[in-house]
Protein backbone atom coordinates (compact mmCIF):
# COMPACT_ATOMS: atom_id res chain seq x y z
CA UNK A 1 0.00 0.00 0.00
CA UNK A 2 1.45 3.34 -1.01
CA UNK A 3 0.70 6.26 1.28
CA UNK A 4 1.31 9.86 0.38
CA UNK A 5 3.26 11.75 3.03
CA UNK A 6 1.77 15.10 3.89
CA UNK A 7 3.49 18.10 5.38
CA UNK A 8 2.49 19.22 8.86
CA UNK A 9 4.37 22.03 10.60
CA UNK A 10 3.92 24.21 13.64
CA UNK A 11 5.14 27.73 13.56
CA UNK A 12 8.60 27.84 15.01
CA UNK A 13 10.48 30.89 16.10
CA UNK A 14 14.13 31.34 16.92
CA UNK A 15 14.61 31.10 20.66
CA UNK A 16 14.26 34.46 22.35
CA UNK A 17 12.40 36.21 19.53
CA UNK A 18 8.94 35.70 21.00
CA UNK A 19 8.02 36.86 24.48
CA UNK A 20 6.14 34.08 26.24
CA UNK A 21 2.65 34.90 27.35
CA UNK A 22 2.10 35.12 31.11
CA UNK A 23 -1.06 34.47 33.08
CA UNK A 24 -1.09 38.14 34.12
CA UNK A 25 -0.99 39.28 30.48
CA UNK A 26 -3.80 36.88 29.61
CA UNK A 27 -5.90 38.01 32.57
CA UNK A 28 -5.37 41.72 31.84
CA UNK A 29 -5.97 41.44 28.08
CA UNK A 30 -8.64 43.96 27.11
CA UNK A 31 -10.93 43.68 24.10
CA UNK A 32 -10.18 45.94 21.15
CA UNK A 33 -12.21 47.01 18.15
CA UNK A 34 -11.05 43.86 16.32
CA UNK A 35 -9.97 40.43 17.56
CA UNK A 36 -6.42 40.44 18.97
CA UNK A 37 -3.93 37.54 19.13
CA UNK A 38 -1.61 37.29 22.13
CA UNK A 39 1.05 34.78 21.09
CA UNK A 40 2.81 32.34 23.38
CA UNK A 41 5.06 30.77 20.77
CA UNK A 42 5.07 27.65 18.60
CA UNK A 43 1.60 28.43 17.28
CA UNK A 44 -0.24 28.76 20.62
CA UNK A 45 -2.11 32.02 21.12
CA UNK A 46 -4.95 33.60 23.07
CA UNK A 47 -7.55 35.19 20.81
CA UNK A 48 -9.36 38.10 22.49
CA UNK A 49 -12.62 39.06 20.79
CA UNK A 50 -14.23 42.54 20.92
CA UNK A 51 -16.99 41.19 23.19
CA UNK A 52 -14.33 40.23 25.77
CA UNK A 53 -14.33 36.46 25.28
CA UNK A 54 -10.92 34.77 25.19
CA UNK A 55 -10.09 31.53 23.40
CA UNK A 56 -6.92 29.44 23.30
CA UNK A 57 -6.04 28.34 19.78
CA UNK A 58 -3.19 26.53 18.08
CA UNK A 59 -2.18 27.67 14.59
CA UNK A 60 -0.45 25.25 12.26
CA UNK A 61 0.03 24.45 8.59
CA UNK A 62 -1.19 21.22 7.03
CA UNK A 63 -0.41 20.45 3.38
CA UNK A 64 0.57 24.08 2.93
CA UNK A 65 -2.71 25.48 4.24
CA UNK A 66 -3.26 27.53 7.38
CA UNK A 67 -5.31 25.63 10.00
CA UNK A 68 -6.48 26.46 13.52
CA UNK A 69 -7.18 24.03 16.35
CA UNK A 70 -9.29 25.40 19.24
CA UNK A 71 -8.15 24.33 22.70
CA UNK A 72 -10.58 26.03 25.08
CA UNK A 73 -11.91 29.15 26.73
CA UNK A 74 -9.86 31.31 29.10
CA UNK A 75 -9.98 31.30 32.18
CA UNK A 76 -11.61 27.84 32.25
CA UNK A 77 -8.42 26.58 30.57
CA UNK A 78 -5.33 28.09 32.21
CA UNK A 79 -2.13 29.02 30.39
CA UNK A 80 -0.35 25.92 31.73
CA UNK A 81 -3.24 23.68 30.67
CA UNK A 82 -3.36 25.33 27.24
CA UNK A 83 0.35 24.66 26.73
CA UNK A 84 -0.04 21.03 27.79
CA UNK A 85 -3.19 20.56 25.71
CA UNK A 86 -1.51 22.16 22.69
CA UNK A 87 1.15 19.45 22.76
CA UNK A 88 -1.39 16.64 23.28
CA UNK A 89 -3.91 17.99 20.76
CA UNK A 90 -1.18 18.47 18.19
CA UNK A 91 -0.29 14.79 18.37
CA UNK A 92 -3.97 13.85 18.21
CA UNK A 93 -4.42 16.09 15.17
CA UNK A 94 -1.43 14.43 13.50
CA UNK A 95 -2.85 10.99 14.19
CA UNK A 96 -6.35 11.88 12.97
CA UNK A 97 -5.00 13.20 9.66
CA UNK A 98 -3.07 10.02 9.01
CA UNK A 99 0.34 11.67 9.15
CA UNK A 100 1.68 9.34 11.85
CA UNK A 101 0.22 6.35 10.01
CA UNK A 102 1.97 7.48 6.83
CA UNK A 103 5.32 7.77 8.62
CA UNK A 104 4.96 4.32 10.21
CA UNK A 105 4.11 2.70 6.88
CA UNK A 106 7.13 4.32 5.22
CA UNK A 107 9.50 2.69 7.75
């Protein structure tokens, strides 16, 4: 069986170029006229909507296309939980797309 390998990549930044998000920054984030992204690095960010709601999301590219994976609502999901869930959900997303299966079958 021949399986096509697909490309899956998280945004990566050189170490030290992105200031990590803190719980204080997330808590004090105020809504603006448009939705605002507060980045934590490696694709994880807090999206603050004009109505004041805050959502954790993970941005990634799959087969060259921009994708977003929602993790949860802040403050129900803390920064530490969002970071942990981002790692876990990323692996789940890889598995559900067949990427891990494709790698295993290539070996």
